N, C-alpha and C. Protein backbone atom coordinates (compact mmCIF):
# COMPACT_ATOMS: atom_id res chain seq x y z
N MET A 1 0.85 -1.18 0.00
CA MET A 1 0.00 0.00 0.00
C MET A 1 0.89 1.24 0.00
N TYR A 2 0.42 2.19 -0.87
CA TYR A 2 1.15 3.47 -0.92
C TYR A 2 0.46 4.44 0.01
N ASN A 3 1.21 5.19 0.67
CA ASN A 3 0.66 6.21 1.55
C ASN A 3 0.44 7.48 0.75
N VAL A 4 -0.81 7.97 0.76
CA VAL A 4 -1.16 9.20 0.04
C VAL A 4 -1.41 10.28 1.07
N ASP A 5 -0.74 11.38 0.86
CA ASP A 5 -0.91 12.48 1.80
C ASP A 5 -2.21 13.21 1.49
N MET A 6 -3.13 13.23 2.38
CA MET A 6 -4.39 13.93 2.20
C MET A 6 -4.20 15.39 2.60
N PRO A 7 -4.76 16.33 1.78
CA PRO A 7 -4.63 17.74 2.15
C PRO A 7 -5.42 18.00 3.42
N PRO A 8 -4.96 18.92 4.15
CA PRO A 8 -5.68 19.27 5.37
C PRO A 8 -7.02 19.91 5.01
N PRO A 9 -7.99 19.81 5.86
CA PRO A 9 -9.31 20.38 5.59
C PRO A 9 -9.27 21.85 5.27
N SER A 10 -8.30 22.55 5.77
CA SER A 10 -8.24 23.99 5.48
C SER A 10 -7.94 24.28 4.02
N GLU A 11 -7.30 23.32 3.36
CA GLU A 11 -6.95 23.54 1.94
C GLU A 11 -8.06 23.08 0.99
N LEU A 12 -9.03 22.33 1.48
CA LEU A 12 -10.14 21.88 0.61
C LEU A 12 -11.09 23.05 0.36
N PRO A 13 -11.67 23.12 -0.91
CA PRO A 13 -12.62 24.22 -1.19
C PRO A 13 -13.87 24.04 -0.37
N SER A 14 -14.38 25.15 0.04
CA SER A 14 -15.61 25.11 0.82
C SER A 14 -16.81 24.90 -0.09
N SER A 15 -17.92 24.62 0.49
CA SER A 15 -19.16 24.42 -0.30
C SER A 15 -19.53 25.69 -1.05
N ARG A 16 -19.29 26.83 -0.45
CA ARG A 16 -19.60 28.10 -1.13
C ARG A 16 -18.71 28.29 -2.36
N ALA A 17 -17.42 27.91 -2.18
CA ALA A 17 -16.51 28.07 -3.32
C ALA A 17 -16.92 27.14 -4.47
N LEU A 18 -17.32 25.92 -4.11
CA LEU A 18 -17.76 24.99 -5.16
C LEU A 18 -19.01 25.51 -5.86
N LEU A 19 -19.94 26.04 -5.09
CA LEU A 19 -21.16 26.58 -5.70
C LEU A 19 -20.85 27.75 -6.60
N ARG A 20 -19.90 28.59 -6.13
CA ARG A 20 -19.51 29.75 -6.94
C ARG A 20 -18.88 29.32 -8.25
N SER A 21 -17.99 28.32 -8.16
CA SER A 21 -17.35 27.83 -9.39
C SER A 21 -18.38 27.24 -10.35
N THR A 22 -19.34 26.52 -9.77
CA THR A 22 -20.40 25.92 -10.61
C THR A 22 -21.22 26.99 -11.30
N LEU A 23 -21.57 28.03 -10.55
CA LEU A 23 -22.37 29.11 -11.14
C LEU A 23 -21.59 29.85 -12.23
N ILE A 24 -20.28 30.05 -11.95
CA ILE A 24 -19.46 30.74 -12.97
C ILE A 24 -19.38 29.90 -14.24
N ALA A 25 -19.20 28.58 -14.07
CA ALA A 25 -19.12 27.70 -15.24
C ALA A 25 -20.43 27.70 -16.01
N ALA A 26 -21.56 27.66 -15.25
CA ALA A 26 -22.87 27.67 -15.92
C ALA A 26 -23.10 28.97 -16.66
N ALA A 27 -22.71 30.09 -16.00
CA ALA A 27 -22.89 31.39 -16.64
C ALA A 27 -22.04 31.50 -17.90
N THR A 28 -20.80 30.98 -17.80
CA THR A 28 -19.92 31.00 -18.98
C THR A 28 -20.53 30.18 -20.12
N ALA A 29 -21.10 29.02 -19.74
CA ALA A 29 -21.71 28.18 -20.77
C ALA A 29 -22.89 28.87 -21.43
N ILE A 30 -23.69 29.56 -20.59
CA ILE A 30 -24.85 30.27 -21.15
C ILE A 30 -24.41 31.40 -22.07
N VAL A 31 -23.37 32.14 -21.61
CA VAL A 31 -22.86 33.23 -22.45
C VAL A 31 -22.35 32.70 -23.78
N LEU A 32 -21.60 31.60 -23.73
CA LEU A 32 -21.09 31.00 -24.98
C LEU A 32 -22.24 30.52 -25.86
N LEU A 33 -23.26 29.95 -25.22
CA LEU A 33 -24.41 29.47 -25.99
C LEU A 33 -25.09 30.62 -26.72
N VAL A 34 -25.30 31.73 -25.99
CA VAL A 34 -26.04 32.86 -26.57
C VAL A 34 -25.21 33.62 -27.59
N THR A 35 -23.91 33.78 -27.30
CA THR A 35 -23.08 34.64 -28.16
C THR A 35 -22.35 33.90 -29.27
N VAL A 36 -22.18 32.57 -29.12
CA VAL A 36 -21.39 31.82 -30.10
C VAL A 36 -22.19 30.71 -30.77
N VAL A 37 -22.74 29.81 -29.94
CA VAL A 37 -23.37 28.60 -30.50
C VAL A 37 -24.62 28.94 -31.30
N LEU A 38 -25.53 29.70 -30.66
CA LEU A 38 -26.78 30.02 -31.37
C LEU A 38 -26.53 30.80 -32.67
N PRO A 39 -25.70 31.86 -32.66
CA PRO A 39 -25.46 32.57 -33.93
C PRO A 39 -24.76 31.70 -34.97
N ALA A 40 -23.75 30.91 -34.53
CA ALA A 40 -22.95 30.16 -35.50
C ALA A 40 -23.71 28.96 -36.07
N GLU A 41 -24.57 28.33 -35.26
CA GLU A 41 -25.23 27.11 -35.71
C GLU A 41 -26.63 27.35 -36.28
N TYR A 42 -27.36 28.34 -35.73
CA TYR A 42 -28.77 28.50 -36.10
C TYR A 42 -29.10 29.90 -36.61
N GLY A 43 -28.10 30.79 -36.63
CA GLY A 43 -28.36 32.14 -37.11
C GLY A 43 -29.18 32.97 -36.15
N VAL A 44 -29.30 32.54 -34.89
CA VAL A 44 -30.06 33.27 -33.88
C VAL A 44 -29.07 34.10 -33.05
N ASP A 45 -29.29 35.41 -33.00
CA ASP A 45 -28.33 36.30 -32.33
C ASP A 45 -29.08 37.27 -31.42
N PRO A 46 -29.45 36.80 -30.21
CA PRO A 46 -30.23 37.68 -29.33
C PRO A 46 -29.46 38.91 -28.87
N THR A 47 -28.14 38.80 -28.75
CA THR A 47 -27.35 39.90 -28.18
C THR A 47 -26.71 40.79 -29.22
N GLY A 48 -26.61 40.33 -30.47
CA GLY A 48 -25.95 41.11 -31.50
C GLY A 48 -24.46 40.89 -31.56
N VAL A 49 -23.90 40.20 -30.58
CA VAL A 49 -22.45 39.94 -30.57
C VAL A 49 -22.08 39.01 -31.71
N GLY A 50 -22.94 38.04 -31.99
CA GLY A 50 -22.63 37.09 -33.06
C GLY A 50 -22.49 37.75 -34.41
N ARG A 51 -23.32 38.77 -34.67
CA ARG A 51 -23.21 39.46 -35.97
C ARG A 51 -21.92 40.26 -36.04
N VAL A 52 -21.53 40.86 -34.90
CA VAL A 52 -20.27 41.60 -34.87
C VAL A 52 -19.10 40.67 -35.15
N LEU A 53 -19.17 39.47 -34.59
CA LEU A 53 -18.08 38.50 -34.78
C LEU A 53 -18.19 37.73 -36.10
N GLY A 54 -19.25 37.95 -36.86
CA GLY A 54 -19.42 37.23 -38.12
C GLY A 54 -20.00 35.85 -37.98
N LEU A 55 -20.43 35.52 -36.76
CA LEU A 55 -20.96 34.17 -36.53
C LEU A 55 -22.40 34.04 -37.01
N THR A 56 -23.17 35.12 -36.92
CA THR A 56 -24.58 35.06 -37.30
C THR A 56 -24.73 34.75 -38.79
N GLU A 57 -23.92 35.41 -39.61
CA GLU A 57 -23.98 35.17 -41.06
C GLU A 57 -23.67 33.71 -41.38
N MET A 58 -22.68 33.16 -40.67
CA MET A 58 -22.33 31.76 -40.88
C MET A 58 -23.50 30.86 -40.51
N GLY A 59 -24.18 31.18 -39.40
CA GLY A 59 -25.33 30.38 -38.99
C GLY A 59 -26.47 30.49 -39.98
N GLU A 60 -26.71 31.70 -40.50
CA GLU A 60 -27.78 31.88 -41.49
C GLU A 60 -27.50 31.07 -42.75
N ILE A 61 -26.24 31.04 -43.15
CA ILE A 61 -25.87 30.25 -44.34
C ILE A 61 -26.12 28.78 -44.09
N LYS A 62 -25.74 28.30 -42.89
CA LYS A 62 -25.96 26.89 -42.56
C LYS A 62 -27.44 26.55 -42.60
N MET A 63 -28.28 27.43 -42.02
CA MET A 63 -29.71 27.17 -41.99
C MET A 63 -30.31 27.20 -43.39
N ALA A 64 -29.84 28.14 -44.23
CA ALA A 64 -30.35 28.21 -45.60
C ALA A 64 -29.99 26.96 -46.38
N LEU A 65 -28.75 26.48 -46.20
CA LEU A 65 -28.34 25.25 -46.88
C LEU A 65 -29.16 24.06 -46.40
N ALA A 66 -29.43 24.03 -45.09
CA ALA A 66 -30.23 22.93 -44.56
C ALA A 66 -31.64 22.96 -45.11
N GLU A 67 -32.24 24.16 -45.23
CA GLU A 67 -33.58 24.28 -45.78
C GLU A 67 -33.62 23.86 -47.25
N GLU A 68 -32.59 24.26 -48.01
CA GLU A 68 -32.54 23.88 -49.42
C GLU A 68 -32.42 22.37 -49.56
N ALA A 69 -31.59 21.76 -48.72
CA ALA A 69 -31.42 20.30 -48.79
C ALA A 69 -32.73 19.60 -48.46
N ALA A 70 -33.45 20.11 -47.44
CA ALA A 70 -34.72 19.50 -47.07
C ALA A 70 -35.75 19.65 -48.19
N ALA A 71 -35.78 20.84 -48.82
CA ALA A 71 -36.72 21.06 -49.91
C ALA A 71 -36.41 20.15 -51.09
N ALA A 72 -35.12 19.99 -51.42
CA ALA A 72 -34.74 19.12 -52.53
C ALA A 72 -35.13 17.68 -52.25
N GLU A 73 -34.92 17.25 -51.01
CA GLU A 73 -35.27 15.87 -50.65
C GLU A 73 -36.78 15.66 -50.74
N ALA A 74 -37.54 16.67 -50.28
CA ALA A 74 -38.99 16.55 -50.36
C ALA A 74 -39.47 16.50 -51.80
N ALA A 75 -38.84 17.30 -52.67
CA ALA A 75 -39.22 17.30 -54.08
C ALA A 75 -38.92 15.96 -54.73
N GLU A 76 -37.75 15.38 -54.41
CA GLU A 76 -37.41 14.08 -54.97
C GLU A 76 -38.38 13.00 -54.50
N THR A 77 -38.76 13.08 -53.22
CA THR A 77 -39.71 12.10 -52.69
C THR A 77 -41.07 12.23 -53.37
N ALA A 78 -41.52 13.48 -53.55
CA ALA A 78 -42.81 13.70 -54.21
C ALA A 78 -42.78 13.22 -55.65
N ALA A 79 -41.65 13.46 -56.34
CA ALA A 79 -41.55 13.02 -57.73
C ALA A 79 -41.56 11.51 -57.83
N ALA A 80 -40.93 10.85 -56.86
CA ALA A 80 -40.89 9.39 -56.89
C ALA A 80 -42.26 8.79 -56.62
N LEU A 81 -43.06 9.47 -55.77
CA LEU A 81 -44.39 8.95 -55.42
C LEU A 81 -45.46 9.36 -56.41
N ALA A 82 -45.20 10.39 -57.22
CA ALA A 82 -46.23 10.87 -58.15
C ALA A 82 -46.46 9.85 -59.24
N PRO A 83 -47.73 9.64 -59.64
CA PRO A 83 -48.01 8.69 -60.73
C PRO A 83 -47.48 9.22 -62.05
N ALA A 84 -47.10 8.30 -62.91
CA ALA A 84 -46.59 8.70 -64.23
C ALA A 84 -47.71 9.35 -65.03
N PRO A 85 -47.42 10.44 -65.72
CA PRO A 85 -48.47 11.10 -66.50
C PRO A 85 -48.97 10.21 -67.62
N ALA A 86 -50.27 10.32 -67.88
CA ALA A 86 -50.86 9.53 -68.96
C ALA A 86 -50.34 10.04 -70.30
N PRO A 87 -50.10 9.13 -71.24
CA PRO A 87 -49.62 9.59 -72.55
C PRO A 87 -50.63 10.49 -73.23
N ALA A 88 -50.11 11.53 -73.83
CA ALA A 88 -50.99 12.49 -74.50
C ALA A 88 -51.61 11.84 -75.73
N PRO A 89 -52.90 12.12 -75.97
CA PRO A 89 -53.53 11.55 -77.17
C PRO A 89 -52.88 12.11 -78.41
N PRO A 90 -52.82 11.32 -79.46
CA PRO A 90 -52.20 11.83 -80.70
C PRO A 90 -52.96 13.02 -81.24
N ALA A 91 -52.19 14.00 -81.64
CA ALA A 91 -52.82 15.21 -82.17
C ALA A 91 -53.49 14.91 -83.50
N GLU A 92 -54.68 15.48 -83.65
CA GLU A 92 -55.38 15.28 -84.90
C GLU A 92 -54.74 16.13 -85.99
N ALA A 93 -54.54 15.50 -87.09
CA ALA A 93 -53.95 16.22 -88.22
C ALA A 93 -54.96 17.21 -88.77
N VAL A 94 -54.52 18.43 -88.94
CA VAL A 94 -55.38 19.46 -89.49
C VAL A 94 -54.93 19.75 -90.91
N ILE A 95 -55.83 19.52 -91.81
CA ILE A 95 -55.52 19.73 -93.22
C ILE A 95 -56.01 21.12 -93.59
N ALA A 96 -55.05 21.99 -93.85
CA ALA A 96 -55.40 23.36 -94.20
C ALA A 96 -55.87 23.42 -95.65
N GLU A 97 -56.89 24.20 -95.84
CA GLU A 97 -57.37 24.38 -97.21
C GLU A 97 -56.35 25.19 -97.99
N SER A 98 -56.10 24.73 -99.18
CA SER A 98 -55.12 25.41 -100.01
C SER A 98 -55.67 26.74 -100.48
N SER A 99 -54.83 27.76 -100.37
CA SER A 99 -55.23 29.07 -100.83
C SER A 99 -54.85 29.31 -102.29
N ALA A 100 -54.22 28.31 -102.91
CA ALA A 100 -53.82 28.44 -104.30
C ALA A 100 -55.07 28.43 -105.19
N PRO A 101 -55.07 29.19 -106.26
CA PRO A 101 -56.24 29.20 -107.15
C PRO A 101 -56.44 27.85 -107.81
N ALA A 102 -57.70 27.54 -108.10
CA ALA A 102 -58.02 26.29 -108.79
C ALA A 102 -57.70 26.46 -110.28
N LEU A 103 -56.75 25.68 -110.76
CA LEU A 103 -56.33 25.78 -112.15
C LEU A 103 -57.12 24.80 -113.00
N ARG A 104 -57.32 25.15 -114.25
CA ARG A 104 -58.00 24.25 -115.18
C ARG A 104 -57.33 24.34 -116.54
N SER A 105 -57.61 23.36 -117.35
CA SER A 105 -57.05 23.30 -118.71
C SER A 105 -58.16 22.93 -119.67
N ASP A 106 -58.08 23.50 -120.86
CA ASP A 106 -59.09 23.21 -121.89
C ASP A 106 -58.44 23.20 -123.26
N GLU A 107 -59.11 22.50 -124.19
CA GLU A 107 -58.78 22.55 -125.61
C GLU A 107 -60.06 22.86 -126.36
N ALA A 108 -59.98 23.81 -127.27
CA ALA A 108 -61.16 24.21 -128.05
C ALA A 108 -60.73 24.55 -129.46
N SER A 109 -61.66 24.53 -130.38
CA SER A 109 -61.34 24.86 -131.77
C SER A 109 -62.52 25.55 -132.42
N VAL A 110 -62.22 26.39 -133.41
CA VAL A 110 -63.25 27.06 -134.22
C VAL A 110 -62.84 26.93 -135.69
N THR A 111 -63.83 26.71 -136.53
CA THR A 111 -63.59 26.63 -137.98
C THR A 111 -64.15 27.90 -138.62
N LEU A 112 -63.32 28.56 -139.45
CA LEU A 112 -63.67 29.84 -140.05
C LEU A 112 -63.75 29.70 -141.56
N ALA A 113 -64.89 30.05 -142.10
CA ALA A 113 -65.03 30.14 -143.55
C ALA A 113 -64.31 31.40 -144.03
N PRO A 114 -64.06 31.54 -145.31
CA PRO A 114 -63.42 32.76 -145.82
C PRO A 114 -64.21 34.00 -145.40
N GLY A 115 -63.52 34.96 -144.80
CA GLY A 115 -64.15 36.20 -144.36
C GLY A 115 -64.85 36.10 -143.02
N GLU A 116 -64.93 34.91 -142.42
CA GLU A 116 -65.67 34.74 -141.17
C GLU A 116 -64.77 35.02 -139.96
N GLY A 117 -65.39 35.52 -138.88
CA GLY A 117 -64.67 35.76 -137.63
C GLY A 117 -65.39 35.14 -136.44
N LYS A 118 -64.64 34.58 -135.52
CA LYS A 118 -65.19 34.00 -134.29
C LYS A 118 -64.24 34.27 -133.13
N GLU A 119 -64.78 34.12 -131.91
CA GLU A 119 -63.93 34.35 -130.74
C GLU A 119 -64.25 33.37 -129.61
N ILE A 120 -63.23 33.16 -128.81
CA ILE A 120 -63.33 32.36 -127.59
C ILE A 120 -62.84 33.22 -126.43
N LYS A 121 -63.59 33.22 -125.32
CA LYS A 121 -63.21 34.04 -124.17
C LYS A 121 -63.24 33.22 -122.89
N LEU A 122 -62.44 33.71 -121.93
CA LEU A 122 -62.34 33.08 -120.62
C LEU A 122 -62.85 34.03 -119.55
N ALA A 123 -63.61 33.51 -118.60
CA ALA A 123 -64.02 34.31 -117.44
C ALA A 123 -62.87 34.31 -116.44
N MET A 124 -62.30 35.49 -116.20
CA MET A 124 -61.12 35.60 -115.34
C MET A 124 -61.29 36.73 -114.33
N ARG A 125 -60.59 36.57 -113.19
CA ARG A 125 -60.56 37.63 -112.18
C ARG A 125 -59.31 38.49 -112.38
N GLU A 126 -59.37 39.69 -111.88
CA GLU A 126 -58.24 40.61 -112.02
C GLU A 126 -56.96 40.00 -111.45
N GLY A 127 -55.89 40.06 -112.24
CA GLY A 127 -54.60 39.54 -111.81
C GLY A 127 -54.38 38.08 -112.12
N ALA A 128 -55.43 37.34 -112.50
CA ALA A 128 -55.28 35.93 -112.84
C ALA A 128 -54.52 35.80 -114.16
N SER A 129 -53.84 34.67 -114.33
CA SER A 129 -53.05 34.46 -115.55
C SER A 129 -53.37 33.11 -116.18
N VAL A 130 -53.23 33.06 -117.50
CA VAL A 130 -53.51 31.85 -118.27
C VAL A 130 -52.41 31.67 -119.31
N ASP A 131 -51.86 30.46 -119.36
CA ASP A 131 -50.95 30.10 -120.46
C ASP A 131 -51.80 29.67 -121.65
N PHE A 132 -51.46 30.17 -122.84
CA PHE A 132 -52.27 29.81 -124.01
C PHE A 132 -51.37 29.51 -125.21
N GLN A 133 -51.94 28.75 -126.12
CA GLN A 133 -51.29 28.46 -127.41
C GLN A 133 -52.39 28.17 -128.43
N TRP A 134 -52.30 28.81 -129.59
CA TRP A 134 -53.23 28.47 -130.65
C TRP A 134 -52.48 28.29 -131.98
N LEU A 135 -52.98 27.35 -132.76
CA LEU A 135 -52.39 26.99 -134.06
C LEU A 135 -53.48 27.01 -135.11
N VAL A 136 -53.13 27.46 -136.31
CA VAL A 136 -54.09 27.51 -137.42
C VAL A 136 -53.82 26.33 -138.35
N ASP A 137 -54.87 25.60 -138.64
CA ASP A 137 -54.77 24.47 -139.57
C ASP A 137 -55.40 24.87 -140.90
N GLY A 138 -54.57 25.01 -141.94
CA GLY A 138 -55.08 25.30 -143.27
C GLY A 138 -54.83 26.70 -143.75
N GLY A 139 -54.12 27.54 -143.01
CA GLY A 139 -53.86 28.88 -143.49
C GLY A 139 -53.40 29.79 -142.37
N VAL A 140 -53.77 31.07 -142.49
CA VAL A 140 -53.41 32.06 -141.48
C VAL A 140 -54.65 32.88 -141.14
N VAL A 141 -54.57 33.61 -140.03
CA VAL A 141 -55.70 34.44 -139.60
C VAL A 141 -55.18 35.76 -139.06
N ASN A 142 -56.09 36.74 -138.97
CA ASN A 142 -55.83 37.96 -138.20
C ASN A 142 -56.40 37.74 -136.79
N SER A 143 -55.69 38.24 -135.78
CA SER A 143 -56.14 38.00 -134.40
C SER A 143 -56.23 39.30 -133.62
N ASP A 144 -57.08 39.27 -132.62
CA ASP A 144 -57.24 40.41 -131.71
C ASP A 144 -57.47 39.85 -130.31
N THR A 145 -56.46 40.02 -129.45
CA THR A 145 -56.59 39.57 -128.06
C THR A 145 -57.11 40.75 -127.25
N HIS A 146 -58.26 40.58 -126.59
CA HIS A 146 -58.90 41.70 -125.92
C HIS A 146 -59.76 41.21 -124.76
N ALA A 147 -60.46 42.15 -124.11
CA ALA A 147 -61.30 41.83 -122.96
C ALA A 147 -62.46 42.81 -122.89
N ASP A 148 -63.48 42.43 -122.12
CA ASP A 148 -64.62 43.32 -121.87
C ASP A 148 -65.23 42.98 -120.52
N ARG A 149 -66.05 43.89 -120.06
CA ARG A 149 -66.78 43.70 -118.80
C ARG A 149 -68.00 44.61 -118.85
N PRO A 150 -68.92 44.46 -117.91
CA PRO A 150 -70.06 45.38 -117.89
C PRO A 150 -69.59 46.82 -117.77
N GLY A 151 -70.04 47.66 -118.67
CA GLY A 151 -69.63 49.06 -118.67
C GLY A 151 -68.39 49.34 -119.50
N LEU A 152 -67.72 48.29 -120.00
CA LEU A 152 -66.53 48.46 -120.84
C LEU A 152 -66.59 47.41 -121.94
N SER A 153 -66.85 47.85 -123.18
CA SER A 153 -67.06 46.90 -124.27
C SER A 153 -65.77 46.40 -124.90
N TYR A 154 -64.68 47.12 -124.71
CA TYR A 154 -63.44 46.68 -125.36
C TYR A 154 -62.23 47.18 -124.58
N HIS A 155 -61.29 46.24 -124.34
CA HIS A 155 -59.98 46.57 -123.77
C HIS A 155 -58.96 45.73 -124.53
N GLY A 156 -58.11 46.37 -125.33
CA GLY A 156 -57.20 45.63 -126.19
C GLY A 156 -55.91 45.23 -125.48
N TYR A 157 -55.45 44.02 -125.79
CA TYR A 157 -54.14 43.54 -125.34
C TYR A 157 -53.13 43.57 -126.49
N MET A 158 -53.47 42.90 -127.60
CA MET A 158 -52.57 42.91 -128.76
C MET A 158 -53.33 42.43 -129.99
N LYS A 159 -52.77 42.77 -131.18
CA LYS A 159 -53.36 42.36 -132.45
C LYS A 159 -52.28 41.75 -133.34
N GLY A 160 -52.70 40.93 -134.31
CA GLY A 160 -51.76 40.34 -135.25
C GLY A 160 -52.43 40.09 -136.59
N THR A 161 -51.63 40.06 -137.65
CA THR A 161 -52.15 39.80 -138.99
C THR A 161 -51.38 38.65 -139.62
N ALA A 162 -52.12 37.88 -140.43
CA ALA A 162 -51.54 36.74 -141.16
C ALA A 162 -50.73 35.84 -140.23
N GLN A 163 -51.33 35.45 -139.15
CA GLN A 163 -50.64 34.61 -138.17
C GLN A 163 -51.04 33.15 -138.33
N ALA A 164 -50.05 32.28 -138.23
CA ALA A 164 -50.32 30.84 -138.25
C ALA A 164 -50.36 30.26 -136.83
N SER A 165 -49.86 31.02 -135.85
CA SER A 165 -49.86 30.53 -134.46
C SER A 165 -49.50 31.68 -133.53
N ASP A 166 -49.73 31.44 -132.25
CA ASP A 166 -49.31 32.39 -131.21
C ASP A 166 -49.37 31.66 -129.86
N GLU A 167 -48.56 32.13 -128.93
CA GLU A 167 -48.58 31.56 -127.58
C GLU A 167 -48.03 32.58 -126.61
N GLY A 168 -48.36 32.41 -125.34
CA GLY A 168 -47.88 33.33 -124.32
C GLY A 168 -48.69 33.20 -123.04
N VAL A 169 -48.69 34.28 -122.26
CA VAL A 169 -49.42 34.32 -120.99
C VAL A 169 -50.36 35.52 -121.02
N LEU A 170 -51.62 35.27 -120.76
CA LEU A 170 -52.62 36.33 -120.72
C LEU A 170 -52.93 36.64 -119.25
N VAL A 171 -52.68 37.90 -118.84
CA VAL A 171 -52.94 38.34 -117.46
C VAL A 171 -54.13 39.27 -117.48
N ALA A 172 -55.15 38.96 -116.68
CA ALA A 172 -56.39 39.73 -116.68
C ALA A 172 -56.18 41.10 -116.06
N ALA A 173 -56.59 42.14 -116.77
CA ALA A 173 -56.46 43.51 -116.27
C ALA A 173 -57.59 43.86 -115.30
N PHE A 174 -58.68 43.08 -115.33
CA PHE A 174 -59.83 43.33 -114.45
C PHE A 174 -60.71 42.09 -114.46
N ASP A 175 -61.70 42.06 -113.60
CA ASP A 175 -62.68 40.98 -113.61
C ASP A 175 -63.53 41.10 -114.87
N GLY A 176 -63.60 40.03 -115.64
CA GLY A 176 -64.41 40.08 -116.85
C GLY A 176 -64.09 38.94 -117.78
N MET A 177 -64.38 39.15 -119.08
CA MET A 177 -64.15 38.14 -120.11
C MET A 177 -62.92 38.54 -120.92
N HIS A 178 -62.00 37.59 -121.08
CA HIS A 178 -60.72 37.86 -121.74
C HIS A 178 -60.46 36.75 -122.75
N GLY A 179 -60.05 37.13 -123.98
CA GLY A 179 -59.82 36.07 -124.95
C GLY A 179 -59.36 36.56 -126.31
N TRP A 180 -59.73 35.79 -127.37
CA TRP A 180 -59.16 35.97 -128.69
C TRP A 180 -60.27 36.00 -129.74
N PHE A 181 -60.10 36.90 -130.70
CA PHE A 181 -60.97 36.96 -131.88
C PHE A 181 -60.10 36.68 -133.10
N TRP A 182 -60.58 35.78 -133.97
CA TRP A 182 -59.83 35.44 -135.19
C TRP A 182 -60.73 35.67 -136.40
N ARG A 183 -60.13 36.16 -137.46
CA ARG A 183 -60.86 36.32 -138.73
C ARG A 183 -60.02 35.72 -139.86
N ASN A 184 -60.72 34.96 -140.71
CA ASN A 184 -60.07 34.31 -141.85
C ASN A 184 -60.17 35.22 -143.07
N ARG A 185 -59.04 35.78 -143.48
CA ARG A 185 -59.01 36.63 -144.66
C ARG A 185 -58.59 35.85 -145.90
N GLY A 186 -58.42 34.55 -145.77
CA GLY A 186 -58.01 33.75 -146.92
C GLY A 186 -59.20 33.29 -147.76
N ALA A 187 -58.87 32.51 -148.80
CA ALA A 187 -59.90 32.04 -149.72
C ALA A 187 -60.41 30.65 -149.35
N SER A 188 -59.82 30.02 -148.35
CA SER A 188 -60.21 28.66 -147.96
C SER A 188 -60.52 28.61 -146.46
N PRO A 189 -61.36 27.66 -146.05
CA PRO A 189 -61.67 27.52 -144.62
C PRO A 189 -60.41 27.15 -143.84
N VAL A 190 -60.36 27.61 -142.60
CA VAL A 190 -59.26 27.27 -141.69
C VAL A 190 -59.85 26.88 -140.34
N THR A 191 -59.04 26.17 -139.55
CA THR A 191 -59.45 25.79 -138.19
C THR A 191 -58.40 26.28 -137.20
N VAL A 192 -58.86 26.97 -136.17
CA VAL A 192 -57.96 27.45 -135.11
C VAL A 192 -58.14 26.53 -133.89
N ASN A 193 -57.03 25.94 -133.46
CA ASN A 193 -57.03 25.04 -132.30
C ASN A 193 -56.37 25.76 -131.11
N LEU A 194 -57.11 25.90 -130.01
CA LEU A 194 -56.66 26.67 -128.84
C LEU A 194 -56.47 25.75 -127.63
N ARG A 195 -55.37 25.95 -126.94
CA ARG A 195 -55.12 25.26 -125.67
C ARG A 195 -54.91 26.31 -124.59
N THR A 196 -55.57 26.13 -123.45
CA THR A 196 -55.43 27.06 -122.32
C THR A 196 -55.19 26.29 -121.03
N SER A 197 -54.45 26.92 -120.11
CA SER A 197 -54.19 26.32 -118.80
C SER A 197 -53.89 27.45 -117.82
N GLY A 198 -54.68 27.51 -116.74
CA GLY A 198 -54.42 28.55 -115.76
C GLY A 198 -55.60 28.83 -114.87
N ASP A 199 -55.66 30.06 -114.38
CA ASP A 199 -56.65 30.47 -113.38
C ASP A 199 -57.81 31.17 -114.08
N TYR A 200 -58.82 30.41 -114.43
CA TYR A 200 -60.03 30.98 -115.01
C TYR A 200 -61.22 30.10 -114.65
N GLN A 201 -62.41 30.64 -114.74
CA GLN A 201 -63.60 29.93 -114.29
C GLN A 201 -64.42 29.30 -115.41
N GLU A 202 -64.27 29.83 -116.62
CA GLU A 202 -65.13 29.34 -117.71
C GLU A 202 -64.48 29.63 -119.05
N LEU A 203 -64.67 28.73 -120.00
CA LEU A 203 -64.29 28.97 -121.40
C LEU A 203 -65.58 29.06 -122.20
N ARG A 204 -65.69 30.10 -123.00
CA ARG A 204 -66.96 30.34 -123.70
C ARG A 204 -66.72 30.66 -125.18
N HIS A 205 -67.47 29.98 -126.05
CA HIS A 205 -67.49 30.33 -127.48
C HIS A 205 -68.49 31.47 -127.63
N VAL A 206 -68.01 32.63 -128.02
CA VAL A 206 -68.88 33.80 -128.08
C VAL A 206 -69.71 33.81 -129.35
N ASN A 207 -69.18 33.45 -130.51
CA ASN A 207 -69.94 33.49 -131.76
C ASN A 207 -70.53 32.12 -132.07
């Protein structure tokens, strides 16, 4: 056995001294809690000391990061539990009506005795165009490409003499009838064969 020297009772702390030390330690702990722990960990700064020391900002950042992490986790959980969206029904195909003009094509012919004249006209709207070609079988003719409408009996486009054929594009100057007049100045009958293709509503033999 080792002999241990016990301090005399006079050197031992009294009960009051122990209580005082305990109170000082508790007060120190409370001060540290209020001025350091709460600001640094939770952003709570009742005394304002934590903000001066920069601890409050650190605590606010920690709390913000914790809130963001919790929100992200909640969103992931909700997404995992949410039912899969139903497939969208197939969109119905919408067929737009074409705004292009309705084109048509025709072939027509007129037979002219010597000295006789006849014409063929097309019902056209202003700005509409028609590709045309005509050929004379058996001779030549004089031609007059022109138009008319109510209130206007004649609008000339072009004239020709002793022609065996012609072709081009006829563009309507207004809504009305547009076409060709042919006269046979020869001594024998001739036949004019006309082909048209384009934007018009009607082909009409006028004579």
